[in-house]
Amino acid sequence: MVKDFVFCLQEAALYFISKKYGPHKDPSECFVNPPCGCANPGQNSQCEDCAYLEACLSDCKLQKVSLSSHS
């Protein structure tokens, strides 16, 4: 039960972080000046824990899926 609660909190945090910085249409926009301070996103292992990057890339993927399902 605690694991479920922690998972829900993580997902909620990712959702709000992605909404705070606005929707991105292109995944490459997620790598420009991320607020977590990663100098080389996608190349540094420290950037793998960046909640902003994860949320941004997930949001791009979700937007792409929702746009293709409406067509």
N, C-alpha and C. Protein backbone atom coordinates (compact mmCIF):
# COMPACT_ATOMS: atom_id res chain seq x y z
N MET A 1 0.83 -1.19 0.00
CA MET A 1 0.00 0.00 0.00
C MET A 1 0.88 1.27 0.00
N VAL A 2 1.95 1.24 0.76
CA VAL A 2 2.85 2.38 0.82
C VAL A 2 3.51 2.59 -0.54
N LYS A 3 3.87 1.48 -1.20
CA LYS A 3 4.48 1.59 -2.53
C LYS A 3 3.52 2.24 -3.52
N ASP A 4 2.25 1.86 -3.43
CA ASP A 4 1.24 2.46 -4.31
C ASP A 4 1.11 3.96 -4.05
N PHE A 5 1.13 4.33 -2.80
CA PHE A 5 1.01 5.75 -2.43
C PHE A 5 2.20 6.54 -2.95
N VAL A 6 3.41 6.00 -2.78
CA VAL A 6 4.62 6.67 -3.25
C VAL A 6 4.58 6.79 -4.77
N PHE A 7 4.15 5.73 -5.45
CA PHE A 7 4.04 5.76 -6.91
C PHE A 7 3.08 6.85 -7.35
N CYS A 8 1.93 6.95 -6.69
CA CYS A 8 0.95 7.98 -7.04
C CYS A 8 1.52 9.38 -6.82
N LEU A 9 2.26 9.57 -5.75
CA LEU A 9 2.88 10.87 -5.50
C LEU A 9 3.90 11.21 -6.58
N GLN A 10 4.69 10.22 -6.99
CA GLN A 10 5.67 10.47 -8.05
C GLN A 10 4.99 10.84 -9.35
N GLU A 11 3.94 10.13 -9.70
CA GLU A 11 3.22 10.42 -10.94
C GLU A 11 2.57 11.80 -10.88
N ALA A 12 2.01 12.15 -9.73
CA ALA A 12 1.40 13.47 -9.58
C ALA A 12 2.46 14.58 -9.70
N ALA A 13 3.61 14.34 -9.11
CA ALA A 13 4.70 15.33 -9.20
C ALA A 13 5.15 15.50 -10.64
N LEU A 14 5.30 14.40 -11.34
CA LEU A 14 5.71 14.47 -12.75
C LEU A 14 4.66 15.22 -13.57
N TYR A 15 3.40 14.97 -13.28
CA TYR A 15 2.31 15.64 -14.00
C TYR A 15 2.38 17.15 -13.79
N PHE A 16 2.51 17.58 -12.53
CA PHE A 16 2.52 19.00 -12.24
C PHE A 16 3.79 19.69 -12.74
N ILE A 17 4.91 18.99 -12.69
CA ILE A 17 6.15 19.57 -13.22
C ILE A 17 6.01 19.79 -14.72
N SER A 18 5.45 18.82 -15.41
CA SER A 18 5.31 18.96 -16.87
C SER A 18 4.33 20.08 -17.21
N LYS A 19 3.29 20.24 -16.44
CA LYS A 19 2.32 21.31 -16.70
C LYS A 19 2.91 22.68 -16.36
N LYS A 20 3.77 22.75 -15.36
CA LYS A 20 4.35 24.02 -14.94
C LYS A 20 5.19 24.63 -16.06
N TYR A 21 5.89 23.81 -16.78
CA TYR A 21 6.78 24.32 -17.81
C TYR A 21 6.14 24.28 -19.19
N GLY A 22 4.86 24.03 -19.25
CA GLY A 22 4.12 24.11 -20.50
C GLY A 22 4.30 22.89 -21.38
N PRO A 23 3.36 22.71 -22.27
CA PRO A 23 3.43 21.55 -23.16
C PRO A 23 4.50 21.74 -24.23
N HIS A 24 5.20 20.69 -24.51
CA HIS A 24 6.21 20.69 -25.56
C HIS A 24 5.70 19.82 -26.69
N LYS A 25 5.85 20.29 -27.90
CA LYS A 25 5.38 19.52 -29.05
C LYS A 25 6.47 18.62 -29.61
N ASP A 26 7.71 19.02 -29.41
CA ASP A 26 8.84 18.27 -29.93
C ASP A 26 9.70 17.81 -28.76
N PRO A 27 10.01 16.52 -28.68
CA PRO A 27 10.83 16.03 -27.56
C PRO A 27 12.17 16.73 -27.42
N SER A 28 12.73 17.25 -28.49
CA SER A 28 14.03 17.93 -28.39
C SER A 28 13.93 19.21 -27.55
N GLU A 29 12.72 19.78 -27.43
CA GLU A 29 12.53 20.98 -26.60
C GLU A 29 12.73 20.66 -25.12
N CYS A 30 12.55 19.41 -24.75
CA CYS A 30 12.70 19.01 -23.35
C CYS A 30 14.15 19.13 -22.88
N PHE A 31 15.09 19.05 -23.82
CA PHE A 31 16.51 19.04 -23.48
C PHE A 31 17.13 20.44 -23.42
N VAL A 32 16.36 21.46 -23.74
CA VAL A 32 16.88 22.84 -23.74
C VAL A 32 16.66 23.46 -22.37
N ASN A 33 17.76 23.75 -21.68
CA ASN A 33 17.73 24.38 -20.35
C ASN A 33 16.77 23.73 -19.37
N PRO A 34 16.93 22.44 -19.08
CA PRO A 34 16.02 21.82 -18.11
C PRO A 34 16.25 22.40 -16.72
N PRO A 35 15.18 22.56 -15.95
CA PRO A 35 15.31 23.19 -14.63
C PRO A 35 16.08 22.34 -13.62
N CYS A 36 16.33 21.08 -13.94
CA CYS A 36 17.07 20.23 -13.01
C CYS A 36 18.58 20.44 -13.12
N GLY A 37 19.03 21.27 -14.08
CA GLY A 37 20.43 21.64 -14.17
C GLY A 37 21.32 20.67 -14.91
N CYS A 38 20.78 19.78 -15.68
CA CYS A 38 21.58 18.84 -16.45
C CYS A 38 22.24 19.57 -17.62
N ALA A 39 23.56 19.50 -17.66
CA ALA A 39 24.29 20.18 -18.74
C ALA A 39 24.17 19.44 -20.06
N ASN A 40 24.19 18.11 -20.01
CA ASN A 40 24.10 17.28 -21.22
C ASN A 40 23.04 16.20 -21.04
N PRO A 41 21.75 16.58 -21.09
CA PRO A 41 20.70 15.58 -20.91
C PRO A 41 20.83 14.46 -21.93
N GLY A 42 20.62 13.25 -21.47
CA GLY A 42 20.73 12.09 -22.33
C GLY A 42 22.14 11.53 -22.40
N GLN A 43 23.12 12.29 -21.86
CA GLN A 43 24.50 11.83 -21.89
C GLN A 43 25.07 11.65 -20.48
N ASN A 44 24.56 12.38 -19.51
CA ASN A 44 25.04 12.26 -18.13
C ASN A 44 24.11 11.34 -17.35
N SER A 45 24.68 10.47 -16.54
CA SER A 45 23.86 9.55 -15.75
C SER A 45 23.06 10.29 -14.68
N GLN A 46 23.54 11.45 -14.21
CA GLN A 46 22.81 12.22 -13.20
C GLN A 46 21.47 12.71 -13.75
N CYS A 47 21.39 12.88 -15.05
CA CYS A 47 20.18 13.40 -15.67
C CYS A 47 19.07 12.35 -15.74
N GLU A 48 19.42 11.08 -15.52
CA GLU A 48 18.42 10.03 -15.57
C GLU A 48 17.40 10.17 -14.46
N ASP A 49 17.75 10.84 -13.37
CA ASP A 49 16.83 11.03 -12.25
C ASP A 49 16.10 12.37 -12.31
N CYS A 50 16.20 13.08 -13.41
CA CYS A 50 15.57 14.38 -13.55
C CYS A 50 14.07 14.20 -13.81
N ALA A 51 13.25 14.55 -12.84
CA ALA A 51 11.80 14.38 -12.96
C ALA A 51 11.24 15.23 -14.10
N TYR A 52 11.81 16.41 -14.30
CA TYR A 52 11.33 17.28 -15.38
C TYR A 52 11.48 16.61 -16.74
N LEU A 53 12.68 16.05 -17.01
CA LEU A 53 12.91 15.42 -18.31
C LEU A 53 11.97 14.24 -18.53
N GLU A 54 11.79 13.44 -17.49
CA GLU A 54 10.89 12.29 -17.60
C GLU A 54 9.46 12.75 -17.89
N ALA A 55 9.02 13.76 -17.17
CA ALA A 55 7.65 14.26 -17.36
C ALA A 55 7.48 14.88 -18.74
N CYS A 56 8.46 15.65 -19.17
CA CYS A 56 8.39 16.33 -20.46
C CYS A 56 8.33 15.32 -21.61
N LEU A 57 9.23 14.34 -21.57
CA LEU A 57 9.26 13.34 -22.63
C LEU A 57 7.99 12.48 -22.63
N SER A 58 7.49 12.16 -21.44
CA SER A 58 6.24 11.41 -21.35
C SER A 58 5.08 12.21 -21.91
N ASP A 59 5.07 13.51 -21.61
CA ASP A 59 4.00 14.38 -22.11
C ASP A 59 4.03 14.46 -23.64
N CYS A 60 5.23 14.55 -24.21
CA CYS A 60 5.37 14.58 -25.68
C CYS A 60 4.81 13.29 -26.28
N LYS A 61 5.15 12.19 -25.64
CA LYS A 61 4.68 10.89 -26.14
C LYS A 61 3.16 10.80 -26.05
N LEU A 62 2.60 11.26 -24.92
CA LEU A 62 1.15 11.22 -24.74
C LEU A 62 0.44 12.13 -25.74
N GLN A 63 1.02 13.31 -26.01
CA GLN A 63 0.42 14.22 -26.98
C GLN A 63 0.42 13.60 -28.36
N LYS A 64 1.50 12.93 -28.71
CA LYS A 64 1.61 12.30 -30.02
C LYS A 64 0.57 11.18 -30.15
N VAL A 65 0.38 10.40 -29.10
CA VAL A 65 -0.59 9.30 -29.11
C VAL A 65 -2.01 9.86 -29.20
N SER A 66 -2.31 10.91 -28.41
CA SER A 66 -3.66 11.47 -28.42
C SER A 66 -3.98 12.15 -29.75
N LEU A 67 -2.98 12.78 -30.37
CA LEU A 67 -3.21 13.41 -31.67
C LEU A 67 -3.47 12.36 -32.74
N SER A 68 -2.74 11.26 -32.70
CA SER A 68 -2.92 10.23 -33.72
C SER A 68 -4.23 9.48 -33.53
N SER A 69 -4.74 9.41 -32.30
CA SER A 69 -6.01 8.72 -32.08
C SER A 69 -7.20 9.58 -32.49
N HIS A 70 -7.02 10.90 -32.56
CA HIS A 70 -8.10 11.80 -32.97
C HIS A 70 -8.19 11.93 -34.48
N SER A 71 -7.19 11.47 -35.18
CA SER A 71 -7.17 11.62 -36.64
C SER A 71 -8.00 10.57 -37.31
